[in-house]
C-alpha atoms as a PDB file:
ATOM      1  CA  MET A   1       0.000   0.000   0.000  1.00  0.00           C
ATOM      2  CA  ASN A   2       1.192   3.520  -0.744  1.00  0.00           C
ATOM      3  CA  GLU A   3       0.719   6.226   1.820  1.00  0.00           C
ATOM      4  CA  ALA A   4       0.149   9.912   1.167  1.00  0.00           C
ATOM      5  CA  VAL A   5       1.457  12.581   3.480  1.00  0.00           C
ATOM      6  CA  VAL A   6      -1.582  14.520   4.672  1.00  0.00           C
ATOM      7  CA  HIS A   7      -1.106  18.077   5.961  1.00  0.00           C
ATOM      8  CA  PHE A   8      -4.387  19.202   7.490  1.00  0.00           C
ATOM      9  CA  HIS A   9      -5.693  22.721   6.965  1.00  0.00           C
ATOM     10  CA  PRO A  10      -6.212  25.305   9.681  1.00  0.00           C
ATOM     11  CA  GLY A  11      -9.691  24.865  11.128  1.00  0.00           C
ATOM     12  CA  GLY A  12      -9.673  21.119  10.593  1.00  0.00           C
ATOM     13  CA  PRO A  13      -9.245  18.649   7.722  1.00  0.00           C
ATOM     14  CA  LEU A  14     -11.090  19.540   4.518  1.00  0.00           C
ATOM     15  CA  VAL A  15     -13.524  16.926   3.176  1.00  0.00           C
ATOM     16  CA  ALA A  16     -14.803  17.507  -0.376  1.00  0.00           C
ATOM     17  CA  LEU A  17     -18.005  15.898  -1.648  1.00  0.00           C
ATOM     18  CA  VAL A  18     -17.726  15.141  -5.357  1.00  0.00           C
ATOM     19  CA  GLY A  19     -20.056  13.376  -7.768  1.00  0.00           C
ATOM     20  CA  ASN A  20     -22.025  13.463 -10.988  1.00  0.00           C
ATOM     21  CA  PRO A  21     -24.923  15.943 -11.212  1.00  0.00           C
ATOM     22  CA  ASN A  22     -28.134  14.671  -9.602  1.00  0.00           C
ATOM     23  CA  CYS A  23     -26.434  11.924  -7.570  1.00  0.00           C
ATOM     24  CA  GLY A  24     -27.825  13.223  -4.254  1.00  0.00           C
ATOM     25  CA  LYS A  25     -24.551  14.815  -3.179  1.00  0.00           C
ATOM     26  CA  THR A  26     -26.040  18.057  -1.857  1.00  0.00           C
ATOM     27  CA  ALA A  27     -28.671  16.187   0.180  1.00  0.00           C
ATOM     28  CA  LEU A  28     -25.874  14.297   1.941  1.00  0.00           C
ATOM     29  CA  TYR A  29     -23.948  17.528   2.433  1.00  0.00           C
ATOM     30  CA  ASN A  30     -26.971  19.116   4.115  1.00  0.00           C
ATOM     31  CA  LEU A  31     -27.396  16.116   6.420  1.00  0.00           C
ATOM     32  CA  LEU A  32     -23.716  16.128   7.377  1.00  0.00           C
ATOM     33  CA  THR A  33     -23.437  19.855   8.072  1.00  0.00           C
ATOM     34  CA  GLY A  34     -26.952  20.877   9.132  1.00  0.00           C
ATOM     35  CA  SER A  35     -27.239  24.641   9.461  1.00  0.00           C
ATOM     36  CA  ARG A  36     -23.497  25.132   9.931  1.00  0.00           C
ATOM     37  CA  GLN A  37     -22.905  26.309   6.380  1.00  0.00           C
ATOM     38  CA  LYS A  38     -21.592  29.364   4.591  1.00  0.00           C
ATOM     39  CA  VAL A  39     -22.171  30.222   0.945  1.00  0.00           C
ATOM     40  CA  ALA A  40     -20.000  32.448  -1.238  1.00  0.00           C
ATOM     41  CA  ASN A  41     -18.538  32.381  -4.760  1.00  0.00           C
ATOM     42  CA  TYR A  42     -15.227  30.958  -5.898  1.00  0.00           C
ATOM     43  CA  ALA A  43     -12.601  33.573  -6.659  1.00  0.00           C
ATOM     44  CA  GLY A  44     -12.987  35.068 -10.117  1.00  0.00           C
ATOM     45  CA  VAL A  45     -16.157  33.160 -11.084  1.00  0.00           C
ATOM     46  CA  THR A  46     -19.863  33.214 -10.253  1.00  0.00           C
ATOM     47  CA  VAL A  47     -19.926  29.527  -9.291  1.00  0.00           C
ATOM     48  CA  GLU A  48     -21.364  29.055  -5.794  1.00  0.00           C
ATOM     49  CA  ARG A  49     -19.061  27.747  -3.061  1.00  0.00           C
ATOM     50  CA  LYS A  50     -20.704  25.897  -0.148  1.00  0.00           C
ATOM     51  CA  GLU A  51     -18.723  24.957   2.945  1.00  0.00           C
ATOM     52  CA  GLY A  52     -20.070  23.556   6.195  1.00  0.00           C
ATOM     53  CA  ARG A  53     -18.734  22.078   9.406  1.00  0.00           C
ATOM     54  CA  LEU A  54     -19.080  18.579  10.802  1.00  0.00           C
ATOM     55  CA  THR A  55     -18.151  17.686  14.359  1.00  0.00           C
ATOM     56  CA  THR A  56     -17.523  13.962  14.760  1.00  0.00           C
ATOM     57  CA  SER A  57     -18.619  11.940  17.787  1.00  0.00           C
ATOM     58  CA  SER A  58     -15.077  12.193  19.181  1.00  0.00           C
ATOM     59  CA  GLY A  59     -15.127  15.984  18.887  1.00  0.00           C
ATOM     60  CA  LYS A  60     -13.030  16.366  15.720  1.00  0.00           C
ATOM     61  CA  ASN A  61     -13.982  19.360  13.562  1.00  0.00           C
ATOM     62  CA  LEU A  62     -14.059  18.769   9.810  1.00  0.00           C
ATOM     63  CA  ARG A  63     -14.638  21.307   7.053  1.00  0.00           C
ATOM     64  CA  VAL A  64     -17.020  19.924   4.426  1.00  0.00           C
ATOM     65  CA  LEU A  65     -17.030  21.338   0.898  1.00  0.00           C
ATOM     66  CA  ASP A  66     -19.881  20.619  -1.530  1.00  0.00           C
ATOM     67  CA  LEU A  67     -18.214  20.731  -4.948  1.00  0.00           C
ATOM     68  CA  PRO A  68     -20.255  21.403  -8.112  1.00  0.00           C
ATOM     69  CA  GLY A  69     -21.357  18.259  -9.927  1.00  0.00           C
ATOM     70  CA  THR A  70     -19.113  16.921 -12.676  1.00  0.00           C
ATOM     71  CA  TYR A  71     -19.046  13.884 -14.957  1.00  0.00           C
ATOM     72  CA  SER A  72     -15.279  13.800 -15.366  1.00  0.00           C
ATOM     73  CA  LEU A  73     -12.035  15.618 -14.694  1.00  0.00           C
ATOM     74  CA  TYR A  74     -12.134  17.043 -18.234  1.00  0.00           C
ATOM     75  CA  PRO A  75     -14.304  20.113 -17.605  1.00  0.00           C
ATOM     76  CA  ARG A  76     -16.838  21.375 -20.119  1.00  0.00           C
ATOM     77  CA  SER A  77     -18.488  24.078 -17.993  1.00  0.00           C
ATOM     78  CA  PRO A  78     -17.450  26.666 -15.376  1.00  0.00           C
ATOM     79  CA  ASP A  79     -18.916  24.465 -12.610  1.00  0.00           C
ATOM     80  CA  GLU A  80     -16.948  21.428 -13.736  1.00  0.00           C
ATOM     81  CA  ARG A  81     -13.782  23.516 -14.075  1.00  0.00           C
ATOM     82  CA  VAL A  82     -14.089  24.698 -10.472  1.00  0.00           C
ATOM     83  CA  THR A  83     -14.429  21.123  -9.229  1.00  0.00           C
ATOM     84  CA  CYS A  84     -11.415  19.989 -11.227  1.00  0.00           C
ATOM     85  CA  ASP A  85      -9.301  22.936 -10.112  1.00  0.00           C
ATOM     86  CA  VAL A  86     -10.115  22.240  -6.438  1.00  0.00           C
ATOM     87  CA  LEU A  87      -9.314  18.536  -6.716  1.00  0.00           C
ATOM     88  CA  PHE A  88      -6.062  19.233  -8.567  1.00  0.00           C
ATOM     89  CA  GLY A  89      -5.120  21.847  -5.952  1.00  0.00           C
ATOM     90  CA  ARG A  90      -4.964  24.761  -8.372  1.00  0.00           C
ATOM     91  CA  ALA A  91      -8.089  26.752  -7.404  1.00  0.00           C
ATOM     92  CA  GLN A  92      -7.317  30.344  -6.464  1.00  0.00           C
ATOM     93  CA  GLY A  93      -7.626  30.835  -2.704  1.00  0.00           C
ATOM     94  CA  GLU A  94      -8.603  27.191  -2.110  1.00  0.00           C
ATOM     95  CA  LYS A  95      -6.504  24.484  -0.493  1.00  0.00           C
ATOM     96  CA  ARG A  96      -6.554  20.969  -1.904  1.00  0.00           C
ATOM     97  CA  PRO A  97      -8.932  18.657   0.013  1.00  0.00           C
ATOM     98  CA  ASP A  98      -7.566  16.153   2.514  1.00  0.00           C
ATOM     99  CA  LEU A  99     -10.275  13.610   1.626  1.00  0.00           C
ATOM    100  CA  ALA A 100     -12.785  13.166  -1.194  1.00  0.00           C
ATOM    101  CA  VAL A 101     -16.187  11.631  -0.513  1.00  0.00           C
ATOM    102  CA  CYS A 102     -17.262  10.358  -3.913  1.00  0.00           C
ATOM    103  CA  VAL A 103     -21.057  10.199  -4.009  1.00  0.00           C
ATOM    104  CA  VAL A 104     -22.299   7.710  -6.609  1.00  0.00           C
ATOM    105  CA  ASP A 105     -25.779   6.978  -7.911  1.00  0.00           C
ATOM    106  CA  ALA A 106     -26.393   3.279  -7.230  1.00  0.00           C
ATOM    107  CA  THR A 107     -28.861   3.122 -10.144  1.00  0.00           C
ATOM    108  CA  ASN A 108     -26.096   4.004 -12.627  1.00  0.00           C
ATOM    109  CA  LEU A 109     -23.022   2.530 -10.999  1.00  0.00           C
ATOM    110  CA  ARG A 110     -20.662   2.084 -13.937  1.00  0.00           C
ATOM    111  CA  ARG A 111     -20.925   5.677 -15.204  1.00  0.00           C
ATOM    112  CA  ASN A 112     -20.465   7.077 -11.703  1.00  0.00           C
ATOM    113  CA  LEU A 113     -17.472   4.870 -10.898  1.00  0.00           C
ATOM    114  CA  ARG A 114     -15.488   6.421 -13.732  1.00  0.00           C
ATOM    115  CA  LEU A 115     -15.327   9.663 -11.764  1.00  0.00           C
ATOM    116  CA  VAL A 116     -14.392   7.763  -8.575  1.00  0.00           C
ATOM    117  CA  LEU A 117     -11.442   6.148 -10.315  1.00  0.00           C
ATOM    118  CA  ALA A 118     -10.346   9.473 -11.813  1.00  0.00           C
ATOM    119  CA  VAL A 119     -10.362  11.056  -8.339  1.00  0.00           C
ATOM    120  CA  ARG A 120      -8.385   8.151  -6.903  1.00  0.00           C
ATOM    121  CA  ARG A 121      -5.754   8.530  -9.619  1.00  0.00           C
ATOM    122  CA  LEU A 122      -5.113  12.032  -8.288  1.00  0.00           C
ATOM    123  CA  GLY A 123      -3.763  10.399  -5.134  1.00  0.00           C
ATOM    124  CA  LEU A 124      -6.524  11.745  -2.914  1.00  0.00           C
ATOM    125  CA  PRO A 125      -7.748   9.606  -0.022  1.00  0.00           C
ATOM    126  CA  CYS A 126     -11.286   8.599  -0.892  1.00  0.00           C
ATOM    127  CA  VAL A 127     -14.508   7.231   0.606  1.00  0.00           C
ATOM    128  CA  VAL A 128     -17.416   6.163  -1.626  1.00  0.00           C
ATOM    129  CA  ALA A 129     -21.004   6.956  -0.617  1.00  0.00           C
ATOM    130  CA  LEU A 130     -23.234   4.525  -2.503  1.00  0.00           C
ATOM    131  CA  ASN A 131     -26.280   6.783  -2.694  1.00  0.00           C
ATOM    132  CA  MET A 132     -29.861   6.160  -3.884  1.00  0.00           C
ATOM    133  CA  ALA A 133     -29.554   2.549  -2.733  1.00  0.00           C
ATOM    134  CA  ASP A 134     -33.329   2.445  -2.179  1.00  0.00           C
ATOM    135  CA  LEU A 135     -34.060   3.355  -5.811  1.00  0.00           C
ATOM    136  CA  ALA A 136     -31.575   0.747  -6.997  1.00  0.00           C
ATOM    137  CA  ARG A 137     -33.334  -1.947  -4.980  1.00  0.00           C
ATOM    138  CA  LYS A 138     -36.698  -0.930  -6.472  1.00  0.00           C
ATOM    139  CA  GLN A 139     -35.166  -1.446  -9.919  1.00  0.00           C
ATOM    140  CA  GLY A 140     -33.975  -4.907  -8.926  1.00  0.00           C
ATOM    141  CA  ILE A 141     -30.334  -3.832  -8.643  1.00  0.00           C
ATOM    142  CA  VAL A 142     -28.536  -5.409  -5.696  1.00  0.00           C
ATOM    143  CA  ILE A 143     -25.089  -4.010  -4.882  1.00  0.00           C
ATOM    144  CA  ASP A 144     -22.853  -5.480  -2.198  1.00  0.00           C
ATOM    145  CA  PRO A 145     -20.982  -2.530  -0.603  1.00  0.00           C
ATOM    146  CA  ALA A 146     -18.354  -4.856   0.918  1.00  0.00           C
ATOM    147  CA  ALA A 147     -17.623  -6.458  -2.460  1.00  0.00           C
ATOM    148  CA  LEU A 148     -17.452  -3.062  -4.150  1.00  0.00           C
ATOM    149  CA  SER A 149     -15.097  -1.850  -1.423  1.00  0.00           C
ATOM    150  CA  ARG A 150     -12.771  -4.786  -2.047  1.00  0.00           C
ATOM    151  CA  GLU A 151     -12.790  -4.085  -5.791  1.00  0.00           C
ATOM    152  CA  LEU A 152     -12.046  -0.384  -5.357  1.00  0.00           C
ATOM    153  CA  GLY A 153      -9.755  -0.635  -2.334  1.00  0.00           C
ATOM    154  CA  VAL A 154     -11.618   2.168  -0.521  1.00  0.00           C
ATOM    155  CA  PRO A 155     -14.397   2.250   2.091  1.00  0.00           C
ATOM    156  CA  VAL A 156     -17.910   2.092   0.605  1.00  0.00           C
ATOM    157  CA  VAL A 157     -20.937   3.221   2.612  1.00  0.00           C
ATOM    158  CA  SER A 158     -24.528   2.680   1.446  1.00  0.00           C
ATOM    159  CA  THR A 159     -26.674   5.815   1.874  1.00  0.00           C
ATOM    160  CA  VAL A 160     -30.085   7.254   1.032  1.00  0.00           C
ATOM    161  CA  GLY A 161     -29.458  10.983   1.272  1.00  0.00           C
ATOM    162  CA  ILE A 162     -33.047  12.170   1.395  1.00  0.00           C
ATOM    163  CA  ARG A 163     -33.800   9.960   4.412  1.00  0.00           C
ATOM    164  CA  ALA A 164     -30.464  10.136   6.257  1.00  0.00           C
ATOM    165  CA  ASP A 165     -30.046   6.359   5.902  1.00  0.00           C
ATOM    166  CA  GLY A 166     -26.393   5.438   6.241  1.00  0.00           C
ATOM    167  CA  VAL A 167     -25.264   8.946   7.156  1.00  0.00           C
ATOM    168  CA  ASP A 168     -24.140   7.736  10.587  1.00  0.00           C
ATOM    169  CA  ASP A 169     -21.994   5.119   8.843  1.00  0.00           C
ATOM    170  CA  LEU A 170     -20.583   7.846   6.597  1.00  0.00           C
ATOM    171  CA  ARG A 171     -19.799  10.005   9.629  1.00  0.00           C
ATOM    172  CA  ARG A 172     -17.972   7.075  11.244  1.00  0.00           C
ATOM    173  CA  SER A 173     -15.897   6.612   8.103  1.00  0.00           C
ATOM    174  CA  LEU A 174     -14.732  10.228   8.508  1.00  0.00           C
ATOM    175  CA  GLU A 175     -13.893   9.777  12.188  1.00  0.00           C
ATOM    176  CA  ASP A 176     -10.179   8.982  11.893  1.00  0.00           C
ATOM    177  CA  PRO A 177      -8.250  11.360   9.615  1.00  0.00           C
ATOM    178  CA  ALA A 178      -5.063   9.343  10.171  1.00  0.00           C
ATOM    179  CA  ALA A 179      -6.684   6.433   8.314  1.00  0.00           C
ATOM    180  CA  TRP A 180      -7.162   8.622   5.221  1.00  0.00           C
ATOM    181  CA  LYS A 181      -3.486   8.212   4.342  1.00  0.00           C
ATOM    182  CA  LYS A 182      -3.950   4.635   3.135  1.00  0.00           C
ATOM    183  CA  LEU A 183      -4.141   4.489  -0.641  1.00  0.00           C
ATOM    184  CA  VAL A 184      -4.275   1.810  -3.319  1.00  0.00           C
ATOM    185  CA  PRO A 185      -1.749   2.280  -6.162  1.00  0.00           C
ATOM    186  CA  ALA A 186      -3.544   4.032  -9.036  1.00  0.00           C
ATOM    187  CA  GLU A 187      -2.297   1.507 -11.583  1.00  0.00           C
ATOM    188  CA  ALA A 188      -4.198  -1.239  -9.749  1.00  0.00           C
ATOM    189  CA  LEU A 189      -7.530   0.514 -10.218  1.00  0.00           C
ATOM    190  CA  ALA A 190      -9.979  -0.436 -12.959  1.00  0.00           C
ATOM    191  CA  VAL A 191     -13.721  -0.182 -13.415  1.00  0.00           C
ATOM    192  CA  PRO A 192     -15.077  -3.256 -11.560  1.00  0.00           C
ATOM    193  CA  ASP A 193     -17.050  -5.800 -13.553  1.00  0.00           C
ATOM    194  CA  ALA A 194     -20.701  -5.055 -12.854  1.00  0.00           C
ATOM    195  CA  ALA A 195     -21.343  -8.781 -12.553  1.00  0.00           C
ATOM    196  CA  HIS A 196     -19.152  -8.852  -9.467  1.00  0.00           C
ATOM    197  CA  THR A 197     -20.743  -5.880  -7.743  1.00  0.00           C
ATOM    198  CA  GLN A 198     -24.358  -5.812  -8.771  1.00  0.00           C
ATOM    199  CA  GLY A 199     -26.963  -8.318  -9.747  1.00  0.00           C
ATOM    200  CA  VAL A 200     -30.602  -8.301 -10.716  1.00  0.00           C
ATOM    201  CA  SER A 201     -33.054 -10.215  -8.574  1.00  0.00           C
END
């Protein structure tokens, strides 16, 4: 396993939520941060910047950043460019995140995982929030979070953002910043075979 050196930001480690548009990312952000949020614009652009605070059960303070939705790290819009610049650590006035929470739509796993793998190749510690798990089940899609975690080499938490299901598990996964240093070599990552991670019943 490779390890990244993590230098935490003043005010606590910075956790960035990243995902495709309409994956339920902002709903999870609201559940994690509650009313402890501040909204502004990124420097030089009109794209909205949303940052909140999460205090873990052990009293650790985390900064939580809700990044604009993007399909890839090849931006085609100002929103996508902001997200890419933040993740690459080149956004004006913005430090690079210490951890990325990749929110994926469980009903469209393969498309969403492409962004997860791209984020991991940046060398960022990563946790996957398998969101909209309830909708996936209604469509007959069964995804084993433990199996997906083994395939990706990162923690995977099943969530339903609009109902707070799994948010406690997500909070626990953010509890120990020291554990964020553990990374899987980027060259070992590949899009998992859907047959191994999801089935239709």
